N, C-alpha and C. Protein backbone atom coordinates (compact mmCIF):
# COMPACT_ATOMS: atom_id res chain seq x y z
N MET A 1 1.78 134.52 -67.05
CA MET A 1 0.66 134.90 -66.56
C MET A 1 -0.52 134.56 -67.62
N LYS A 2 -0.34 134.90 -68.73
CA LYS A 2 -1.10 134.60 -69.92
C LYS A 2 -1.11 132.76 -70.14
N ASN A 3 0.36 132.45 -69.92
CA ASN A 3 0.17 130.59 -69.95
C ASN A 3 -0.32 129.94 -69.29
N LYS A 4 -0.47 130.47 -67.92
CA LYS A 4 -1.18 130.15 -66.47
C LYS A 4 -2.71 130.30 -66.67
N PHE A 5 -2.88 131.39 -67.26
CA PHE A 5 -4.19 131.39 -67.74
C PHE A 5 -4.92 130.56 -68.34
N VAL A 6 -4.25 130.37 -69.30
CA VAL A 6 -4.01 129.50 -70.50
C VAL A 6 -4.46 128.02 -70.67
N GLN A 7 -3.46 127.75 -69.25
CA GLN A 7 -3.35 126.33 -69.08
C GLN A 7 -5.04 125.97 -67.83
N ALA A 8 -4.93 127.10 -66.67
CA ALA A 8 -6.27 126.87 -66.45
C ALA A 8 -7.66 126.62 -67.00
N ALA A 9 -7.71 127.62 -67.90
CA ALA A 9 -8.85 127.54 -68.94
C ALA A 9 -8.85 126.03 -69.73
N LEU A 10 -7.67 125.55 -70.53
CA LEU A 10 -7.96 124.34 -70.93
C LEU A 10 -8.37 123.17 -69.93
N THR A 11 -8.03 123.21 -69.00
CA THR A 11 -8.03 122.14 -67.58
C THR A 11 -9.57 122.19 -67.52
N LEU A 12 -9.97 123.15 -67.21
CA LEU A 12 -11.56 123.48 -67.03
C LEU A 12 -12.45 122.79 -68.27
N VAL A 13 -11.78 122.94 -69.39
CA VAL A 13 -12.55 122.92 -70.76
C VAL A 13 -12.73 121.35 -70.61
N VAL A 14 -11.42 120.30 -70.42
CA VAL A 14 -10.85 119.34 -70.54
C VAL A 14 -12.26 118.40 -69.42
N ALA A 15 -11.63 119.28 -68.06
CA ALA A 15 -12.63 118.54 -67.32
C ALA A 15 -14.18 118.61 -67.30
N PHE A 16 -14.51 119.33 -67.90
CA PHE A 16 -16.08 119.57 -68.25
C PHE A 16 -16.55 118.70 -69.49
N GLY A 17 -15.55 118.66 -70.31
CA GLY A 17 -15.99 117.87 -71.27
C GLY A 17 -15.85 116.44 -71.06
N ALA A 18 -14.89 115.99 -70.22
CA ALA A 18 -14.54 114.59 -69.74
C ALA A 18 -15.76 114.33 -68.88
N SER A 19 -16.60 115.10 -68.06
CA SER A 19 -17.60 114.73 -67.21
C SER A 19 -18.58 114.81 -68.08
N ALA A 20 -19.05 115.22 -69.10
CA ALA A 20 -20.10 115.25 -69.80
C ALA A 20 -20.16 113.86 -70.81
N PHE A 21 -19.17 113.08 -70.50
CA PHE A 21 -18.92 111.69 -71.39
C PHE A 21 -19.18 110.82 -70.06
N THR A 22 -18.71 110.98 -68.92
CA THR A 22 -18.68 109.74 -67.95
C THR A 22 -19.69 110.16 -66.86
N THR A 23 -21.02 110.33 -67.18
CA THR A 23 -21.96 110.82 -66.29
C THR A 23 -22.92 109.43 -66.48
N GLU A 24 -23.30 109.11 -65.28
CA GLU A 24 -24.71 107.93 -65.03
C GLU A 24 -25.48 107.97 -65.36
N ASN A 25 -25.84 107.17 -65.75
CA ASN A 25 -27.52 107.02 -65.88
C ASN A 25 -28.35 106.03 -65.27
N ASN A 26 -28.12 106.28 -63.92
CA ASN A 26 -28.81 105.40 -62.62
C ASN A 26 -30.21 105.62 -62.74
N GLU A 27 -30.72 104.90 -62.63
CA GLU A 27 -32.55 104.58 -62.75
C GLU A 27 -33.21 103.71 -61.75
N THR A 28 -33.48 104.40 -60.69
CA THR A 28 -34.02 103.45 -60.05
C THR A 28 -35.65 103.07 -59.90
N LYS A 29 -35.61 101.57 -59.65
CA LYS A 29 -37.01 101.37 -60.25
C LYS A 29 -37.30 100.42 -58.87
N GLU A 30 -38.72 101.20 -58.44
CA GLU A 30 -39.26 100.38 -57.29
C GLU A 30 -39.97 99.33 -57.58
N VAL A 31 -39.69 98.21 -56.29
CA VAL A 31 -40.38 96.88 -56.69
C VAL A 31 -41.26 97.06 -55.81
N ASP A 32 -42.27 96.30 -56.88
CA ASP A 32 -43.83 96.09 -56.39
C ASP A 32 -43.91 95.10 -55.37
N VAL A 33 -43.79 95.46 -54.01
CA VAL A 33 -44.10 94.87 -53.14
C VAL A 33 -45.38 93.71 -52.87
N LYS A 34 -46.27 94.19 -53.37
CA LYS A 34 -47.27 93.18 -53.60
C LYS A 34 -47.85 92.17 -54.41
N THR A 35 -46.85 92.42 -55.18
CA THR A 35 -46.74 91.30 -56.35
C THR A 35 -45.24 90.30 -56.13
N SER A 36 -44.57 90.99 -55.61
CA SER A 36 -43.23 90.39 -55.27
C SER A 36 -43.14 89.33 -54.23
N LYS A 37 -42.52 88.33 -54.00
CA LYS A 37 -42.62 87.45 -53.27
C LYS A 37 -41.27 86.70 -52.52
N VAL A 38 -40.90 86.64 -51.17
CA VAL A 38 -39.49 86.30 -50.53
C VAL A 38 -40.26 85.10 -49.82
N THR A 39 -39.24 83.85 -50.15
CA THR A 39 -40.06 82.89 -49.41
C THR A 39 -38.66 82.15 -48.74
N TRP A 40 -38.93 81.53 -47.42
CA TRP A 40 -37.88 80.79 -46.75
C TRP A 40 -38.26 79.48 -46.56
N LYS A 41 -36.80 78.53 -46.45
CA LYS A 41 -37.06 77.04 -46.17
C LYS A 41 -35.95 77.05 -45.07
N GLY A 42 -36.46 76.29 -43.59
CA GLY A 42 -35.37 75.78 -43.06
C GLY A 42 -35.36 74.67 -42.57
N TYR A 43 -34.03 74.08 -42.61
CA TYR A 43 -34.01 72.51 -42.44
C TYR A 43 -33.82 71.89 -40.87
N LYS A 44 -33.73 70.72 -40.57
CA LYS A 44 -33.55 70.19 -39.26
C LYS A 44 -33.35 68.73 -39.63
N VAL A 45 -33.06 68.12 -38.62
CA VAL A 45 -32.42 66.90 -38.67
C VAL A 45 -33.74 65.63 -39.20
N THR A 46 -35.24 66.06 -39.01
CA THR A 46 -36.26 65.33 -39.45
C THR A 46 -37.13 65.90 -40.29
N GLY A 47 -36.34 66.76 -41.08
CA GLY A 47 -37.40 67.49 -41.95
C GLY A 47 -37.06 68.97 -42.30
N SER A 48 -38.37 69.66 -42.72
CA SER A 48 -37.87 71.35 -42.85
C SER A 48 -39.42 71.82 -42.69
N HIS A 49 -38.94 72.95 -42.61
CA HIS A 49 -40.26 73.91 -42.77
C HIS A 49 -39.98 75.10 -43.75
N GLU A 50 -41.08 75.57 -44.31
CA GLU A 50 -41.21 76.64 -45.04
C GLU A 50 -42.07 78.02 -45.14
N GLY A 51 -41.96 78.73 -45.76
CA GLY A 51 -43.19 79.92 -45.37
C GLY A 51 -42.33 80.85 -46.45
N THR A 52 -43.24 82.31 -45.93
CA THR A 52 -43.08 83.55 -46.66
C THR A 52 -42.60 84.73 -45.76
N ILE A 53 -42.44 85.56 -46.19
CA ILE A 53 -42.28 87.07 -45.34
C ILE A 53 -42.19 88.24 -46.54
N ALA A 54 -42.94 89.00 -45.88
CA ALA A 54 -43.39 90.24 -46.89
C ALA A 54 -42.02 91.05 -47.17
N LEU A 55 -42.18 91.93 -48.00
CA LEU A 55 -41.16 92.87 -48.78
C LEU A 55 -42.31 94.57 -48.00
N GLN A 56 -41.29 95.27 -47.22
CA GLN A 56 -41.99 96.37 -46.81
C GLN A 56 -41.79 97.31 -47.96
N LYS A 57 -40.19 97.21 -48.57
CA LYS A 57 -40.10 98.21 -49.56
C LYS A 57 -38.91 97.89 -50.20
N GLY A 58 -38.60 97.92 -51.31
CA GLY A 58 -37.33 97.70 -52.14
C GLY A 58 -37.19 98.53 -53.77
N SER A 59 -35.68 98.40 -54.05
CA SER A 59 -35.68 99.10 -55.07
C SER A 59 -34.49 98.43 -55.97
N LEU A 60 -34.17 98.36 -57.14
CA LEU A 60 -33.33 98.10 -58.27
C LEU A 60 -32.63 99.29 -58.60
N ILE A 61 -31.21 99.40 -58.59
CA ILE A 61 -30.95 100.31 -59.50
C ILE A 61 -30.14 99.83 -61.02
N PHE A 62 -30.43 100.63 -62.19
CA PHE A 62 -30.33 99.77 -63.19
C PHE A 62 -29.19 101.37 -63.92
N ASP A 63 -27.83 100.91 -64.31
CA ASP A 63 -27.34 101.93 -65.42
C ASP A 63 -27.37 101.48 -66.88
N GLY A 64 -28.51 101.83 -67.59
CA GLY A 64 -28.99 101.59 -68.68
C GLY A 64 -29.90 99.97 -68.57
N ASP A 65 -29.43 99.35 -68.91
CA ASP A 65 -29.82 97.91 -68.87
C ASP A 65 -29.04 96.82 -67.68
N GLN A 66 -28.22 97.70 -67.14
CA GLN A 66 -27.13 96.98 -66.24
C GLN A 66 -27.61 97.10 -65.27
N LEU A 67 -27.61 96.05 -64.25
CA LEU A 67 -27.94 96.35 -62.69
C LEU A 67 -26.67 97.02 -61.87
N THR A 68 -26.73 97.70 -60.98
CA THR A 68 -25.77 98.41 -60.41
C THR A 68 -26.20 98.33 -58.95
N GLY A 69 -27.06 98.02 -58.27
CA GLY A 69 -27.04 98.31 -57.24
C GLY A 69 -28.89 97.89 -56.67
N GLY A 70 -29.08 98.33 -55.59
CA GLY A 70 -30.46 97.73 -54.94
C GLY A 70 -30.36 97.34 -53.38
N GLU A 71 -31.75 97.70 -52.96
CA GLU A 71 -31.83 97.91 -51.34
C GLU A 71 -33.21 97.54 -50.93
N PHE A 72 -33.00 96.37 -49.77
CA PHE A 72 -34.71 96.03 -49.41
C PHE A 72 -34.96 96.21 -48.03
N VAL A 73 -36.03 96.22 -47.79
CA VAL A 73 -36.23 96.18 -46.22
C VAL A 73 -37.58 95.05 -46.18
N VAL A 74 -37.47 94.18 -45.35
CA VAL A 74 -38.79 93.28 -45.43
C VAL A 74 -39.05 92.98 -43.63
N ASP A 75 -40.38 93.05 -43.88
CA ASP A 75 -41.49 93.18 -42.42
C ASP A 75 -41.17 91.78 -41.85
N MET A 76 -40.44 91.59 -40.91
CA MET A 76 -40.48 90.45 -39.86
C MET A 76 -41.64 89.89 -39.22
N THR A 77 -42.45 91.17 -38.78
CA THR A 77 -43.65 90.51 -38.28
C THR A 77 -44.59 89.75 -39.25
N SER A 78 -44.66 89.62 -40.09
CA SER A 78 -45.06 88.90 -41.37
C SER A 78 -44.89 87.29 -41.50
N ILE A 79 -43.68 86.86 -40.97
CA ILE A 79 -42.84 85.89 -40.90
C ILE A 79 -43.92 85.04 -40.92
N SER A 80 -44.22 83.90 -41.96
CA SER A 80 -45.46 82.97 -41.64
C SER A 80 -44.94 81.48 -42.44
N SER A 81 -45.17 80.50 -41.64
CA SER A 81 -45.34 78.84 -42.19
C SER A 81 -46.29 78.81 -43.53
N THR A 82 -45.86 78.07 -44.39
CA THR A 82 -46.88 77.74 -45.11
C THR A 82 -47.17 76.41 -45.54
N ASP A 83 -46.45 75.65 -44.61
CA ASP A 83 -46.29 74.00 -44.98
C ASP A 83 -46.81 73.50 -43.65
N LEU A 84 -47.91 74.03 -42.73
CA LEU A 84 -48.42 73.89 -41.56
C LEU A 84 -50.01 74.26 -41.51
N GLU A 85 -50.56 74.10 -40.79
CA GLU A 85 -52.04 74.60 -40.69
C GLU A 85 -52.32 74.70 -38.90
N GLY A 86 -53.15 75.22 -38.53
CA GLY A 86 -53.78 75.32 -37.12
C GLY A 86 -53.20 75.45 -36.25
N GLU A 87 -53.01 74.64 -35.00
CA GLU A 87 -52.37 75.23 -34.05
C GLU A 87 -50.90 74.88 -34.21
N ASN A 88 -50.35 74.11 -35.18
CA ASN A 88 -49.05 73.72 -35.46
C ASN A 88 -48.51 75.03 -36.14
N LYS A 89 -49.13 75.40 -37.01
CA LYS A 89 -48.90 76.37 -37.92
C LYS A 89 -48.46 77.93 -36.68
N ASP A 90 -49.66 78.09 -35.99
CA ASP A 90 -50.05 78.90 -35.14
C ASP A 90 -48.56 79.38 -34.57
N ASN A 91 -48.28 77.77 -33.74
CA ASN A 91 -46.91 77.79 -32.79
C ASN A 91 -45.69 77.59 -33.18
N LEU A 92 -45.68 77.54 -34.63
CA LEU A 92 -44.32 77.88 -35.09
C LEU A 92 -44.27 79.53 -35.57
N ASP A 93 -45.15 79.81 -36.13
CA ASP A 93 -45.13 81.56 -36.48
C ASP A 93 -44.83 82.02 -35.04
N GLY A 94 -45.58 81.60 -34.06
CA GLY A 94 -45.68 82.51 -32.87
C GLY A 94 -43.72 82.56 -32.21
N HIS A 95 -43.29 80.97 -32.43
CA HIS A 95 -41.98 81.17 -32.41
C HIS A 95 -40.71 81.66 -32.78
N LEU A 96 -41.03 81.92 -34.09
CA LEU A 96 -40.20 82.08 -35.26
C LEU A 96 -40.51 83.79 -34.76
N LYS A 97 -41.43 84.57 -34.47
CA LYS A 97 -41.41 85.40 -33.96
C LYS A 97 -40.75 86.00 -32.70
N SER A 98 -40.44 85.14 -31.84
CA SER A 98 -39.96 85.39 -30.60
C SER A 98 -38.48 85.59 -30.06
N ASP A 99 -38.03 85.56 -29.40
CA ASP A 99 -36.41 86.19 -28.82
C ASP A 99 -35.90 84.75 -29.27
N ASP A 100 -36.33 83.60 -29.22
CA ASP A 100 -35.45 82.77 -29.33
C ASP A 100 -35.08 82.71 -31.39
N PHE A 101 -36.00 83.21 -32.12
CA PHE A 101 -35.75 83.38 -33.86
C PHE A 101 -35.07 84.82 -33.82
N PHE A 102 -36.11 85.58 -34.40
CA PHE A 102 -35.97 86.62 -34.92
C PHE A 102 -36.94 87.97 -34.21
N GLY A 103 -37.04 87.66 -32.84
CA GLY A 103 -37.04 88.82 -31.97
C GLY A 103 -37.88 89.60 -32.49
N ILE A 104 -39.50 89.81 -33.21
CA ILE A 104 -39.70 90.84 -33.93
C ILE A 104 -40.18 92.33 -33.12
N GLY A 105 -40.21 91.72 -32.03
CA GLY A 105 -40.88 92.88 -31.04
C GLY A 105 -39.53 94.19 -30.81
N THR A 106 -38.71 93.32 -31.19
CA THR A 106 -37.36 94.86 -31.14
C THR A 106 -37.04 94.92 -32.48
N HIS A 107 -36.71 93.89 -33.33
CA HIS A 107 -36.06 93.98 -34.84
C HIS A 107 -37.52 93.49 -35.62
N PRO A 108 -38.49 94.53 -35.48
CA PRO A 108 -39.61 94.40 -36.79
C PRO A 108 -39.18 94.46 -38.21
N THR A 109 -37.87 94.72 -38.70
CA THR A 109 -37.32 94.97 -40.00
C THR A 109 -36.77 93.85 -40.21
N ALA A 110 -36.09 93.42 -41.20
CA ALA A 110 -34.75 93.27 -41.54
C ALA A 110 -34.16 94.15 -42.86
N SER A 111 -32.98 94.29 -43.24
CA SER A 111 -32.80 94.85 -44.33
C SER A 111 -31.38 94.41 -45.12
N MET A 112 -31.23 94.79 -46.67
CA MET A 112 -30.43 94.17 -47.11
C MET A 112 -29.96 95.50 -47.99
N ALA A 113 -28.72 95.41 -48.47
CA ALA A 113 -27.95 96.56 -49.18
C ALA A 113 -27.07 96.06 -50.16
N PHE A 114 -27.23 96.51 -51.40
CA PHE A 114 -26.31 95.45 -52.33
C PHE A 114 -25.10 96.67 -52.28
N THR A 115 -24.05 95.80 -52.34
CA THR A 115 -22.14 96.67 -51.95
C THR A 115 -21.61 96.36 -53.46
N LYS A 116 -21.88 95.45 -53.89
CA LYS A 116 -21.13 94.98 -55.20
C LYS A 116 -22.36 94.46 -56.28
N VAL A 117 -21.91 94.58 -57.67
CA VAL A 117 -22.42 94.12 -58.44
C VAL A 117 -21.55 93.36 -59.87
N LYS A 118 -21.87 92.31 -59.98
CA LYS A 118 -21.01 91.94 -60.87
C LYS A 118 -21.64 91.18 -62.09
N PRO A 119 -21.57 91.30 -63.25
CA PRO A 119 -22.12 90.60 -64.31
C PRO A 119 -21.61 89.54 -64.39
N ALA A 120 -22.40 88.17 -64.09
CA ALA A 120 -22.41 86.92 -64.48
C ALA A 120 -22.63 86.21 -65.37
N GLY A 121 -22.99 86.68 -66.46
CA GLY A 121 -23.47 86.02 -67.80
C GLY A 121 -24.81 86.93 -68.15
N LYS A 122 -25.64 86.39 -69.15
CA LYS A 122 -26.49 86.76 -69.74
C LYS A 122 -27.45 87.02 -68.94
N ASN A 123 -28.09 87.75 -68.41
CA ASN A 123 -28.92 88.28 -67.67
C ASN A 123 -29.10 88.24 -66.07
N ALA A 124 -27.66 87.76 -65.85
CA ALA A 124 -27.31 87.16 -64.32
C ALA A 124 -26.25 87.98 -63.62
N TYR A 125 -26.25 88.01 -62.30
CA TYR A 125 -25.26 89.29 -61.85
C TYR A 125 -24.71 88.13 -60.21
N GLU A 126 -23.82 88.20 -60.38
CA GLU A 126 -22.97 88.02 -58.79
C GLU A 126 -23.29 88.99 -57.82
N VAL A 127 -24.08 89.48 -56.75
CA VAL A 127 -24.38 90.13 -56.15
C VAL A 127 -23.60 89.95 -54.40
N THR A 128 -22.79 91.09 -53.95
CA THR A 128 -22.47 90.94 -52.45
C THR A 128 -23.33 91.58 -51.73
N ALA A 129 -23.95 91.72 -50.76
CA ALA A 129 -24.56 92.52 -50.12
C ALA A 129 -24.81 92.75 -48.47
N ASP A 130 -24.56 93.94 -47.68
CA ASP A 130 -24.88 93.41 -46.70
C ASP A 130 -26.19 93.40 -46.01
N LEU A 131 -26.41 91.99 -45.31
CA LEU A 131 -27.22 91.76 -44.53
C LEU A 131 -27.51 92.10 -43.40
N THR A 132 -28.71 92.80 -42.94
CA THR A 132 -28.60 92.90 -41.43
C THR A 132 -30.14 92.04 -40.87
N VAL A 133 -30.14 91.41 -39.92
CA VAL A 133 -30.74 90.76 -38.99
C VAL A 133 -30.67 90.62 -37.62
N LYS A 134 -32.00 91.27 -36.91
CA LYS A 134 -31.41 91.14 -35.28
C LYS A 134 -30.45 92.43 -35.20
N GLY A 135 -30.38 93.38 -35.79
CA GLY A 135 -29.11 94.72 -35.76
C GLY A 135 -27.69 94.13 -36.04
N LYS A 136 -27.75 93.03 -36.66
CA LYS A 136 -26.55 92.33 -36.41
C LYS A 136 -26.34 92.33 -38.20
N THR A 137 -25.09 93.41 -38.86
CA THR A 137 -24.97 92.94 -40.15
C THR A 137 -23.46 92.20 -40.91
N HIS A 138 -24.08 91.46 -41.74
CA HIS A 138 -22.81 90.50 -42.59
C HIS A 138 -22.89 90.52 -44.03
N PRO A 139 -21.60 90.43 -44.59
CA PRO A 139 -22.03 90.28 -46.13
C PRO A 139 -22.46 88.84 -46.62
N VAL A 140 -22.99 88.66 -47.68
CA VAL A 140 -24.18 87.44 -48.15
C VAL A 140 -23.91 87.73 -49.72
N THR A 141 -23.34 86.90 -50.50
CA THR A 141 -23.21 86.97 -51.87
C THR A 141 -23.90 85.39 -52.51
N PHE A 142 -24.59 86.14 -53.76
CA PHE A 142 -25.85 85.45 -54.07
C PHE A 142 -26.17 85.74 -55.64
N GLU A 143 -26.30 84.88 -56.40
CA GLU A 143 -26.90 85.56 -57.85
C GLU A 143 -28.28 85.62 -58.16
N LEU A 144 -28.17 86.88 -58.71
CA LEU A 144 -29.49 87.24 -58.89
C LEU A 144 -29.74 87.74 -60.53
N SER A 145 -30.72 86.95 -61.33
CA SER A 145 -31.08 86.82 -62.58
C SER A 145 -32.35 88.50 -63.32
N VAL A 146 -32.12 88.85 -63.95
CA VAL A 146 -32.64 89.95 -64.25
C VAL A 146 -33.39 89.71 -65.89
N TYR A 147 -34.40 89.82 -65.66
CA TYR A 147 -35.43 89.31 -67.00
C TYR A 147 -36.63 90.44 -67.44
N GLY A 148 -36.22 91.45 -67.99
CA GLY A 148 -37.38 92.30 -68.42
C GLY A 148 -37.87 93.30 -67.46
N ASN A 149 -38.73 93.19 -66.69
CA ASN A 149 -39.07 93.49 -65.26
C ASN A 149 -39.43 92.70 -63.92
N LYS A 150 -38.73 91.70 -64.12
CA LYS A 150 -38.54 90.55 -62.89
C LYS A 150 -36.98 90.47 -62.37
N ALA A 151 -36.84 89.79 -61.49
CA ALA A 151 -35.99 89.72 -60.96
C ALA A 151 -35.70 87.98 -59.93
N THR A 152 -35.03 87.43 -60.13
CA THR A 152 -35.04 85.73 -59.40
C THR A 152 -33.68 85.74 -58.40
N GLY A 153 -33.59 85.33 -57.30
CA GLY A 153 -32.52 85.21 -56.88
C GLY A 153 -32.79 84.39 -55.71
N ALA A 154 -31.39 83.58 -55.07
CA ALA A 154 -31.76 82.56 -54.38
C ALA A 154 -30.26 82.78 -53.15
N VAL A 155 -30.67 83.09 -51.87
CA VAL A 155 -29.41 83.36 -51.39
C VAL A 155 -29.15 82.38 -50.13
N LYS A 156 -28.45 81.42 -49.37
CA LYS A 156 -28.04 80.64 -47.78
C LYS A 156 -27.67 81.59 -46.96
N ILE A 157 -27.98 81.85 -45.97
CA ILE A 157 -27.49 82.22 -44.98
C ILE A 157 -28.02 81.41 -43.45
N ASP A 158 -26.67 81.82 -42.60
CA ASP A 158 -26.08 81.20 -41.90
C ASP A 158 -27.02 81.87 -40.34
N ARG A 159 -27.82 81.45 -40.07
CA ARG A 159 -28.88 82.38 -39.04
C ARG A 159 -27.91 82.57 -38.05
N THR A 160 -26.99 81.59 -37.66
CA THR A 160 -26.47 82.10 -35.92
C THR A 160 -25.21 83.07 -36.26
N LYS A 161 -25.02 83.27 -37.47
CA LYS A 161 -24.25 84.87 -37.53
C LYS A 161 -24.91 86.39 -37.20
N TYR A 162 -26.24 86.08 -36.93
CA TYR A 162 -27.29 87.03 -36.53
C TYR A 162 -28.27 86.78 -35.32
N ASP A 163 -27.36 86.04 -34.48
CA ASP A 163 -27.64 85.65 -33.34
C ASP A 163 -29.11 85.05 -33.28
N VAL A 164 -29.17 84.15 -34.18
CA VAL A 164 -30.23 82.87 -34.14
C VAL A 164 -30.18 81.90 -34.04
N ARG A 165 -30.08 81.13 -32.59
CA ARG A 165 -29.07 80.04 -32.35
C ARG A 165 -30.01 79.08 -31.82
N TYR A 166 -31.28 79.17 -31.62
CA TYR A 166 -31.98 78.13 -31.27
C TYR A 166 -32.09 76.80 -32.07
N GLY A 167 -31.63 75.59 -30.82
CA GLY A 167 -31.82 74.49 -31.40
C GLY A 167 -30.52 74.31 -32.69
N SER A 168 -29.44 75.20 -32.66
CA SER A 168 -28.37 74.98 -33.17
C SER A 168 -27.36 73.80 -32.87
N GLY A 169 -27.09 72.87 -33.49
CA GLY A 169 -26.14 71.94 -33.13
C GLY A 169 -24.66 72.76 -32.91
N SER A 170 -24.47 73.86 -33.06
CA SER A 170 -23.02 74.37 -33.26
C SER A 170 -22.75 75.21 -32.28
N PHE A 171 -23.71 75.07 -31.40
CA PHE A 171 -23.66 76.23 -30.00
C PHE A 171 -24.15 75.03 -28.15
N PHE A 172 -25.43 74.06 -29.02
CA PHE A 172 -25.66 73.34 -27.85
C PHE A 172 -25.69 71.86 -28.37
N ASP A 173 -25.24 71.31 -27.15
CA ASP A 173 -24.72 69.64 -27.08
C ASP A 173 -26.09 68.88 -27.03
N ASN A 174 -26.13 67.49 -27.29
CA ASN A 174 -27.18 66.49 -27.48
C ASN A 174 -28.67 67.04 -27.68
N LEU A 175 -28.59 67.93 -28.84
CA LEU A 175 -29.91 67.80 -29.58
C LEU A 175 -30.68 66.81 -30.02
N GLY A 176 -30.04 65.96 -30.62
CA GLY A 176 -30.37 64.97 -30.99
C GLY A 176 -31.15 65.22 -32.38
N ASP A 177 -32.19 64.59 -32.51
CA ASP A 177 -33.24 64.74 -33.37
C ASP A 177 -33.75 66.22 -33.36
N LYS A 178 -33.28 66.70 -32.51
CA LYS A 178 -34.53 68.36 -32.03
C LYS A 178 -33.38 69.14 -33.07
N THR A 179 -32.31 69.32 -33.23
CA THR A 179 -31.38 69.92 -34.61
C THR A 179 -31.66 70.44 -35.12
N ILE A 180 -31.58 72.03 -35.19
CA ILE A 180 -31.66 72.82 -36.70
C ILE A 180 -30.67 73.16 -37.09
N TYR A 181 -30.28 72.98 -38.48
CA TYR A 181 -29.63 73.80 -39.26
C TYR A 181 -29.24 74.60 -39.05
N ASP A 182 -27.83 75.15 -38.93
CA ASP A 182 -27.77 77.00 -39.08
C ASP A 182 -28.16 77.42 -40.54
N GLU A 183 -28.02 76.55 -41.44
CA GLU A 183 -28.33 77.46 -42.74
C GLU A 183 -29.96 77.57 -43.33
N PHE A 184 -30.23 78.46 -43.83
CA PHE A 184 -31.54 78.26 -44.38
C PHE A 184 -31.49 78.95 -45.55
N ASP A 185 -32.65 78.78 -46.77
CA ASP A 185 -32.89 79.46 -47.80
C ASP A 185 -33.84 80.43 -47.90
N LEU A 186 -32.91 81.79 -48.61
CA LEU A 186 -34.42 82.65 -49.25
C LEU A 186 -34.37 82.31 -50.54
N VAL A 187 -35.57 82.57 -51.00
CA VAL A 187 -35.73 82.83 -52.57
C VAL A 187 -36.70 84.17 -52.77
N VAL A 188 -36.29 84.62 -53.66
CA VAL A 188 -36.73 85.87 -54.03
C VAL A 188 -37.52 86.37 -55.60
N ASP A 189 -38.68 86.02 -55.85
CA ASP A 189 -39.15 86.71 -56.87
C ASP A 189 -39.53 88.25 -56.60
N LEU A 190 -39.11 88.77 -57.78
CA LEU A 190 -39.37 90.48 -57.70
C LEU A 190 -39.69 90.99 -58.79
N ASN A 191 -40.98 91.65 -58.80
CA ASN A 191 -41.51 92.63 -60.23
C ASN A 191 -41.09 93.53 -59.90
N PHE A 192 -40.88 94.95 -60.51
CA PHE A 192 -40.80 96.14 -60.79
C PHE A 192 -40.56 96.98 -62.00
């Protein structure tokens, strides 16, 4: 009986001692949504369009100086083209907000949650994240660079996975020069 008591006590001491040395120092750093920037670029047979989308909120998680996680919410109601002016800009912005594209009436936000972060060099990380657009979630992988209180990254997204099929040659025949390519680019410049 005495032996079992000593063994139990020793197990507790080892367990508490080990946990004291394995605790994580996770620190969540909120992204400054006013100074951070998300830009998009979409491509079609006859050219491209580009613009911005506002971050609603976001944070990056660090263990010491190592990135370990992050999550973001994007305000899809803010999607706007920057390469057009006047009526052409209004028409494209309205179309992007319609159900043909991002359906902001039903889906006013999109989100991203990091699921895996792997160092990929000095200040660089390979990030796998769950991206949710129009209520559909799929994994994306991209590189994110972190320098001091700034982070930059770019991700290529296949819009058809999120039920954004307007003008897609993968779903519609005979579009000719009206074809819009399935993939578009997002570039993020974050301050935190």
